[in-house]
Amino acid sequence: MHRIEYRQNHKHGGLVGLGAAIATVCAGLPHALAELDKAVGQRLVSLNGVDPSQQSRLRIVDPEAAPPKFWPAASA
């Protein structure tokens, strides 16, 4: 029997912590299962948490100040 674990980073609780936990499992589980499928004998897997900080997870743009190429032109 294999064991897969994830230890939540307690710096981020609530919705941010929950999102980081879900993202970690969703991103890591397919790779872990592929490796476990090839394993001979028992394995222990520890999933590394994703960085839930705002700087690494999203980018916010004001389309009036810096419109992306695909943004419709402002009506004059």
PDB file of N, CA and C in Angstrom:
ATOM      1  N   MET A   1       0.840  -1.170   0.000  1.00  0.00           N
ATOM      2  CA  MET A   1       0.000   0.000   0.000  1.00  0.00           C
ATOM      3  C   MET A   1       0.890   1.240   0.000  1.00  0.00           C
ATOM      4  N   HIS A   2       0.597   2.163  -0.899  1.00  0.00           N
ATOM      5  CA  HIS A   2       1.342   3.419  -0.997  1.00  0.00           C
ATOM      6  C   HIS A   2       0.715   4.464  -0.078  1.00  0.00           C
ATOM      7  N   ARG A   3       1.482   5.504   0.191  1.00  0.00           N
ATOM      8  CA  ARG A   3       0.961   6.620   0.986  1.00  0.00           C
ATOM      9  C   ARG A   3       1.287   7.925   0.272  1.00  0.00           C
ATOM     10  N   ILE A   4       0.264   8.762   0.087  1.00  0.00           N
ATOM     11  CA  ILE A   4       0.440  10.091  -0.489  1.00  0.00           C
ATOM     12  C   ILE A   4       0.008  11.083   0.571  1.00  0.00           C
ATOM     13  N   GLU A   5       0.883  12.059   0.845  1.00  0.00           N
ATOM     14  CA  GLU A   5       0.538  13.040   1.871  1.00  0.00           C
ATOM     15  C   GLU A   5       0.773  14.459   1.376  1.00  0.00           C
ATOM     16  N   TYR A   6       0.072  15.368   2.011  1.00  0.00           N
ATOM     17  CA  TYR A   6       0.248  16.794   1.776  1.00  0.00           C
ATOM     18  C   TYR A   6       0.064  17.479   3.118  1.00  0.00           C
ATOM     19  N   ARG A   7       1.052  18.258   3.507  1.00  0.00           N
ATOM     20  CA  ARG A   7       0.944  19.022   4.746  1.00  0.00           C
ATOM     21  C   ARG A   7       0.638  20.455   4.391  1.00  0.00           C
ATOM     22  N   GLN A   8      -0.481  20.936   4.895  1.00  0.00           N
ATOM     23  CA  GLN A   8      -0.905  22.289   4.580  1.00  0.00           C
ATOM     24  C   GLN A   8       0.000  23.300   5.264  1.00  0.00           C
ATOM     25  N   ASN A   9       0.356  24.327   4.518  1.00  0.00           N
ATOM     26  CA  ASN A   9       1.118  25.441   5.051  1.00  0.00           C
ATOM     27  C   ASN A   9       0.158  26.284   5.881  1.00  0.00           C
ATOM     28  N   HIS A  10       0.425  26.405   7.155  1.00  0.00           N
ATOM     29  CA  HIS A  10      -0.502  27.113   8.031  1.00  0.00           C
ATOM     30  C   HIS A  10      -0.377  28.627   7.953  1.00  0.00           C
ATOM     31  N   LYS A  11       0.506  29.144   7.104  1.00  0.00           N
ATOM     32  CA  LYS A  11       0.579  30.588   6.895  1.00  0.00           C
ATOM     33  C   LYS A  11      -0.687  31.085   6.203  1.00  0.00           C
ATOM     34  N   HIS A  12      -1.306  30.228   5.422  1.00  0.00           N
ATOM     35  CA  HIS A  12      -2.491  30.610   4.660  1.00  0.00           C
ATOM     36  C   HIS A  12      -3.653  29.733   5.093  1.00  0.00           C
ATOM     37  N   GLY A  13      -4.617  30.322   5.726  1.00  0.00           N
ATOM     38  CA  GLY A  13      -5.796  29.581   6.142  1.00  0.00           C
ATOM     39  C   GLY A  13      -7.000  29.986   5.323  1.00  0.00           C
ATOM     40  N   GLY A  14      -8.137  29.533   5.725  1.00  0.00           N
ATOM     41  CA  GLY A  14      -9.392  29.902   5.074  1.00  0.00           C
ATOM     42  C   GLY A  14      -9.445  29.517   3.615  1.00  0.00           C
ATOM     43  N   LEU A  15     -10.048  30.380   2.834  1.00  0.00           N
ATOM     44  CA  LEU A  15     -10.250  30.102   1.411  1.00  0.00           C
ATOM     45  C   LEU A  15      -8.934  30.003   0.643  1.00  0.00           C
ATOM     46  N   VAL A  16      -7.936  30.825   1.014  1.00  0.00           N
ATOM     47  CA  VAL A  16      -6.631  30.766   0.351  1.00  0.00           C
ATOM     48  C   VAL A  16      -5.963  29.417   0.625  1.00  0.00           C
ATOM     49  N   GLY A  17      -5.999  28.965   1.875  1.00  0.00           N
ATOM     50  CA  GLY A  17      -5.415  27.669   2.222  1.00  0.00           C
ATOM     51  C   GLY A  17      -6.120  26.518   1.538  1.00  0.00           C
ATOM     52  N   LEU A  18      -7.445  26.585   1.487  1.00  0.00           N
ATOM     53  CA  LEU A  18      -8.215  25.543   0.809  1.00  0.00           C
ATOM     54  C   LEU A  18      -7.876  25.504  -0.677  1.00  0.00           C
ATOM     55  N   GLY A  19      -7.797  26.673  -1.307  1.00  0.00           N
ATOM     56  CA  GLY A  19      -7.443  26.727  -2.734  1.00  0.00           C
ATOM     57  C   GLY A  19      -6.064  26.168  -3.001  1.00  0.00           C
ATOM     58  N   ALA A  20      -5.103  26.487  -2.119  1.00  0.00           N
ATOM     59  CA  ALA A  20      -3.744  25.962  -2.284  1.00  0.00           C
ATOM     60  C   ALA A  20      -3.723  24.446  -2.134  1.00  0.00           C
ATOM     61  N   ALA A  21      -4.486  23.915  -1.185  1.00  0.00           N
ATOM     62  CA  ALA A  21      -4.539  22.464  -0.993  1.00  0.00           C
ATOM     63  C   ALA A  21      -5.151  21.765  -2.204  1.00  0.00           C
ATOM     64  N   ILE A  22      -6.248  22.297  -2.699  1.00  0.00           N
ATOM     65  CA  ILE A  22      -6.907  21.705  -3.872  1.00  0.00           C
ATOM     66  C   ILE A  22      -5.986  21.772  -5.087  1.00  0.00           C
ATOM     67  N   ALA A  23      -5.337  22.922  -5.293  1.00  0.00           N
ATOM     68  CA  ALA A  23      -4.429  23.076  -6.432  1.00  0.00           C
ATOM     69  C   ALA A  23      -3.260  22.109  -6.338  1.00  0.00           C
ATOM     70  N   THR A  24      -2.724  21.929  -5.140  1.00  0.00           N
ATOM     71  CA  THR A  24      -1.598  21.019  -4.944  1.00  0.00           C
ATOM     72  C   THR A  24      -1.977  19.602  -5.308  1.00  0.00           C
ATOM     73  N   VAL A  25      -3.117  19.149  -4.823  1.00  0.00           N
ATOM     74  CA  VAL A  25      -3.549  17.782  -5.107  1.00  0.00           C
ATOM     75  C   VAL A  25      -3.872  17.612  -6.590  1.00  0.00           C
ATOM     76  N   CYS A  26      -4.575  18.580  -7.177  1.00  0.00           N
ATOM     77  CA  CYS A  26      -4.927  18.480  -8.601  1.00  0.00           C
ATOM     78  C   CYS A  26      -3.691  18.463  -9.501  1.00  0.00           C
ATOM     79  N   ALA A  27      -2.692  19.272  -9.152  1.00  0.00           N
ATOM     80  CA  ALA A  27      -1.484  19.342  -9.974  1.00  0.00           C
ATOM     81  C   ALA A  27      -0.565  18.151  -9.746  1.00  0.00           C
ATOM     82  N   GLY A  28      -0.476  17.683  -8.521  1.00  0.00           N
ATOM     83  CA  GLY A  28       0.495  16.640  -8.203  1.00  0.00           C
ATOM     84  C   GLY A  28       0.011  15.210  -8.328  1.00  0.00           C
ATOM     85  N   LEU A  29      -1.277  14.984  -8.130  1.00  0.00           N
ATOM     86  CA  LEU A  29      -1.783  13.610  -8.091  1.00  0.00           C
ATOM     87  C   LEU A  29      -1.583  12.835  -9.398  1.00  0.00           C
ATOM     88  N   PRO A  30      -1.832  13.417 -10.572  1.00  0.00           N
ATOM     89  CA  PRO A  30      -1.602  12.640 -11.798  1.00  0.00           C
ATOM     90  C   PRO A  30      -0.158  12.161 -11.941  1.00  0.00           C
ATOM     91  N   HIS A  31       0.806  13.011 -11.576  1.00  0.00           N
ATOM     92  CA  HIS A  31       2.213  12.621 -11.659  1.00  0.00           C
ATOM     93  C   HIS A  31       2.541  11.537 -10.629  1.00  0.00           C
ATOM     94  N   ALA A  32       1.998  11.700  -9.426  1.00  0.00           N
ATOM     95  CA  ALA A  32       2.244  10.718  -8.373  1.00  0.00           C
ATOM     96  C   ALA A  32       1.675   9.355  -8.766  1.00  0.00           C
ATOM     97  N   LEU A  33       0.467   9.332  -9.289  1.00  0.00           N
ATOM     98  CA  LEU A  33      -0.152   8.065  -9.674  1.00  0.00           C
ATOM     99  C   LEU A  33       0.596   7.395 -10.818  1.00  0.00           C
ATOM    100  N   ALA A  34       1.108   8.189 -11.759  1.00  0.00           N
ATOM    101  CA  ALA A  34       1.891   7.614 -12.863  1.00  0.00           C
ATOM    102  C   ALA A  34       3.158   6.957 -12.333  1.00  0.00           C
ATOM    103  N   GLU A  35       3.822   7.612 -11.373  1.00  0.00           N
ATOM    104  CA  GLU A  35       5.031   7.032 -10.780  1.00  0.00           C
ATOM    105  C   GLU A  35       4.704   5.791  -9.952  1.00  0.00           C
ATOM    106  N   LEU A  36       3.615   5.841  -9.207  1.00  0.00           N
ATOM    107  CA  LEU A  36       3.226   4.697  -8.377  1.00  0.00           C
ATOM    108  C   LEU A  36       2.825   3.501  -9.229  1.00  0.00           C
ATOM    109  N   ASP A  37       2.285   3.766 -10.398  1.00  0.00           N
ATOM    110  CA  ASP A  37       1.895   2.683 -11.302  1.00  0.00           C
ATOM    111  C   ASP A  37       3.111   1.878 -11.751  1.00  0.00           C
ATOM    112  N   LYS A  38       4.275   2.535 -11.858  1.00  0.00           N
ATOM    113  CA  LYS A  38       5.509   1.872 -12.286  1.00  0.00           C
ATOM    114  C   LYS A  38       6.308   1.295 -11.119  1.00  0.00           C
ATOM    115  N   ALA A  39       5.939   1.640  -9.903  1.00  0.00           N
ATOM    116  CA  ALA A  39       6.737   1.275  -8.728  1.00  0.00           C
ATOM    117  C   ALA A  39       6.654  -0.218  -8.415  1.00  0.00           C
ATOM    118  N   VAL A  40       7.787  -0.726  -7.991  1.00  0.00           N
ATOM    119  CA  VAL A  40       7.847  -2.099  -7.485  1.00  0.00           C
ATOM    120  C   VAL A  40       8.058  -1.972  -5.981  1.00  0.00           C
ATOM    121  N   GLY A  41       7.063  -2.304  -5.218  1.00  0.00           N
ATOM    122  CA  GLY A  41       7.148  -2.151  -3.770  1.00  0.00           C
ATOM    123  C   GLY A  41       6.454  -0.883  -3.314  1.00  0.00           C
ATOM    124  N   GLN A  42       6.427  -0.730  -2.017  1.00  0.00           N
ATOM    125  CA  GLN A  42       5.733   0.390  -1.397  1.00  0.00           C
ATOM    126  C   GLN A  42       6.486   1.704  -1.592  1.00  0.00           C
ATOM    127  N   ARG A  43       5.752   2.808  -1.768  1.00  0.00           N
ATOM    128  CA  ARG A  43       6.342   4.125  -1.920  1.00  0.00           C
ATOM    129  C   ARG A  43       5.609   5.121  -1.023  1.00  0.00           C
ATOM    130  N   LEU A  44       6.339   6.141  -0.585  1.00  0.00           N
ATOM    131  CA  LEU A  44       5.782   7.259   0.157  1.00  0.00           C
ATOM    132  C   LEU A  44       5.931   8.500  -0.712  1.00  0.00           C
ATOM    133  N   VAL A  45       4.851   9.226  -0.914  1.00  0.00           N
ATOM    134  CA  VAL A  45       4.858  10.411  -1.765  1.00  0.00           C
ATOM    135  C   VAL A  45       4.422  11.605  -0.925  1.00  0.00           C
ATOM    136  N   SER A  46       5.168  12.685  -0.999  1.00  0.00           N
ATOM    137  CA  SER A  46       4.805  13.927  -0.333  1.00  0.00           C
ATOM    138  C   SER A  46       4.607  14.995  -1.404  1.00  0.00           C
ATOM    139  N   LEU A  47       3.415  15.546  -1.470  1.00  0.00           N
ATOM    140  CA  LEU A  47       3.107  16.567  -2.470  1.00  0.00           C
ATOM    141  C   LEU A  47       3.625  17.912  -1.995  1.00  0.00           C
ATOM    142  N   ASN A  48       4.293  18.651  -2.879  1.00  0.00           N
ATOM    143  CA  ASN A  48       4.792  19.987  -2.566  1.00  0.00           C
ATOM    144  C   ASN A  48       3.695  21.000  -2.850  1.00  0.00           C
ATOM    145  N   GLY A  49       3.432  21.862  -1.882  1.00  0.00           N
ATOM    146  CA  GLY A  49       2.363  22.847  -2.021  1.00  0.00           C
ATOM    147  C   GLY A  49       2.677  23.909  -3.066  1.00  0.00           C
ATOM    148  N   VAL A  50       1.624  24.375  -3.719  1.00  0.00           N
ATOM    149  CA  VAL A  50       1.775  25.486  -4.658  1.00  0.00           C
ATOM    150  C   VAL A  50       1.889  26.779  -3.863  1.00  0.00           C
ATOM    151  N   ASP A  51       2.456  27.783  -4.476  1.00  0.00           N
ATOM    152  CA  ASP A  51       2.600  29.085  -3.829  1.00  0.00           C
ATOM    153  C   ASP A  51       1.283  29.844  -3.993  1.00  0.00           C
ATOM    154  N   PRO A  52       0.543  30.065  -2.909  1.00  0.00           N
ATOM    155  CA  PRO A  52      -0.757  30.731  -3.040  1.00  0.00           C
ATOM    156  C   PRO A  52      -0.694  32.255  -3.014  1.00  0.00           C
ATOM    157  N   SER A  53       0.510  32.822  -3.014  1.00  0.00           N
ATOM    158  CA  SER A  53       0.606  34.279  -2.935  1.00  0.00           C
ATOM    159  C   SER A  53       0.000  34.925  -4.179  1.00  0.00           C
ATOM    160  N   GLN A  54      -0.539  36.100  -3.990  1.00  0.00           N
ATOM    161  CA  GLN A  54      -1.199  36.802  -5.093  1.00  0.00           C
ATOM    162  C   GLN A  54      -0.250  37.049  -6.252  1.00  0.00           C
ATOM    163  N   GLN A  55       1.020  37.361  -5.961  1.00  0.00           N
ATOM    164  CA  GLN A  55       1.971  37.678  -7.023  1.00  0.00           C
ATOM    165  C   GLN A  55       2.214  36.492  -7.959  1.00  0.00           C
ATOM    166  N   SER A  56       2.159  35.283  -7.438  1.00  0.00           N
ATOM    167  CA  SER A  56       2.445  34.123  -8.277  1.00  0.00           C
ATOM    168  C   SER A  56       1.189  33.488  -8.876  1.00  0.00           C
ATOM    169  N   ARG A  57       0.023  33.866  -8.417  1.00  0.00           N
ATOM    170  CA  ARG A  57      -1.203  33.221  -8.867  1.00  0.00           C
ATOM    171  C   ARG A  57      -1.999  34.038  -9.866  1.00  0.00           C
ATOM    172  N   LEU A  58      -1.852  35.358  -9.864  1.00  0.00           N
ATOM    173  CA  LEU A  58      -2.677  36.141 -10.770  1.00  0.00           C
ATOM    174  C   LEU A  58      -2.010  37.461 -11.131  1.00  0.00           C
ATOM    175  N   ARG A  59      -2.530  38.045 -12.175  1.00  0.00           N
ATOM    176  CA  ARG A  59      -2.086  39.363 -12.640  1.00  0.00           C
ATOM    177  C   ARG A  59      -3.349  40.161 -12.912  1.00  0.00           C
ATOM    178  N   ILE A  60      -3.408  41.373 -12.421  1.00  0.00           N
ATOM    179  CA  ILE A  60      -4.584  42.220 -12.612  1.00  0.00           C
ATOM    180  C   ILE A  60      -4.190  43.409 -13.482  1.00  0.00           C
ATOM    181  N   VAL A  61      -5.021  43.664 -14.519  1.00  0.00           N
ATOM    182  CA  VAL A  61      -4.749  44.733 -15.469  1.00  0.00           C
ATOM    183  C   VAL A  61      -5.943  45.675 -15.501  1.00  0.00           C
ATOM    184  N   ASP A  62      -5.678  46.957 -15.496  1.00  0.00           N
ATOM    185  CA  ASP A  62      -6.717  47.958 -15.717  1.00  0.00           C
ATOM    186  C   ASP A  62      -6.765  48.198 -17.221  1.00  0.00           C
ATOM    187  N   PRO A  63      -7.814  47.725 -17.914  1.00  0.00           N
ATOM    188  CA  PRO A  63      -7.836  47.840 -19.369  1.00  0.00           C
ATOM    189  C   PRO A  63      -7.927  49.273 -19.883  1.00  0.00           C
ATOM    190  N   GLU A  64      -8.325  50.212 -19.013  1.00  0.00           N
ATOM    191  CA  GLU A  64      -8.314  51.610 -19.442  1.00  0.00           C
ATOM    192  C   GLU A  64      -6.892  52.152 -19.491  1.00  0.00           C
ATOM    193  N   ALA A  65      -6.063  51.743 -18.521  1.00  0.00           N
ATOM    194  CA  ALA A  65      -4.685  52.239 -18.434  1.00  0.00           C
ATOM    195  C   ALA A  65      -3.731  51.470 -19.351  1.00  0.00           C
ATOM    196  N   ALA A  66      -3.926  50.175 -19.472  1.00  0.00           N
ATOM    197  CA  ALA A  66      -3.028  49.331 -20.287  1.00  0.00           C
ATOM    198  C   ALA A  66      -3.853  48.244 -20.970  1.00  0.00           C
ATOM    199  N   PRO A  67      -4.573  48.589 -22.031  1.00  0.00           N
ATOM    200  CA  PRO A  67      -5.436  47.592 -22.667  1.00  0.00           C
ATOM    201  C   PRO A  67      -4.636  46.495 -23.383  1.00  0.00           C
ATOM    202  N   PRO A  68      -5.031  45.233 -23.187  1.00  0.00           N
ATOM    203  CA  PRO A  68      -4.394  44.146 -23.939  1.00  0.00           C
ATOM    204  C   PRO A  68      -4.750  44.251 -25.424  1.00  0.00           C
ATOM    205  N   LYS A  69      -4.001  43.545 -26.265  1.00  0.00           N
ATOM    206  CA  LYS A  69      -4.226  43.606 -27.715  1.00  0.00           C
ATOM    207  C   LYS A  69      -5.649  43.200 -28.088  1.00  0.00           C
ATOM    208  N   PHE A  70      -6.209  42.242 -27.382  1.00  0.00           N
ATOM    209  CA  PHE A  70      -7.517  41.722 -27.745  1.00  0.00           C
ATOM    210  C   PHE A  70      -8.665  42.596 -27.208  1.00  0.00           C
ATOM    211  N   TRP A  71      -8.347  43.620 -26.381  1.00  0.00           N
ATOM    212  CA  TRP A  71      -9.383  44.441 -25.758  1.00  0.00           C
ATOM    213  C   TRP A  71      -9.998  45.387 -26.804  1.00  0.00           C
ATOM    214  N   PRO A  72     -11.324  45.505 -26.820  1.00  0.00           N
ATOM    215  CA  PRO A  72     -11.934  46.409 -27.812  1.00  0.00           C
ATOM    216  C   PRO A  72     -11.523  47.864 -27.563  1.00  0.00           C
ATOM    217  N   ALA A  73     -11.377  48.603 -28.646  1.00  0.00           N
ATOM    218  CA  ALA A  73     -10.971  50.015 -28.547  1.00  0.00           C
ATOM    219  C   ALA A  73     -12.090  50.817 -27.888  1.00  0.00           C
ATOM    220  N   ALA A  74     -11.676  51.795 -27.103  1.00  0.00           N
ATOM    221  CA  ALA A  74     -12.655  52.656 -26.428  1.00  0.00           C
ATOM    222  C   ALA A  74     -13.410  53.492 -27.437  1.00  0.00           C
ATOM    223  N   SER A  75     -14.692  53.661 -27.229  1.00  0.00           N
ATOM    224  CA  SER A  75     -15.519  54.513 -28.114  1.00  0.00           C
ATOM    225  C   SER A  75     -15.255  55.965 -27.770  1.00  0.00           C
ATOM    226  N   ALA A  76     -15.009  56.760 -28.777  1.00  0.00           N
ATOM    227  CA  ALA A  76     -14.708  58.186 -28.537  1.00  0.00           C
ATOM    228  C   ALA A  76     -15.926  59.028 -28.683  1.00  0.00           C
TER     229      ALA A  76
END
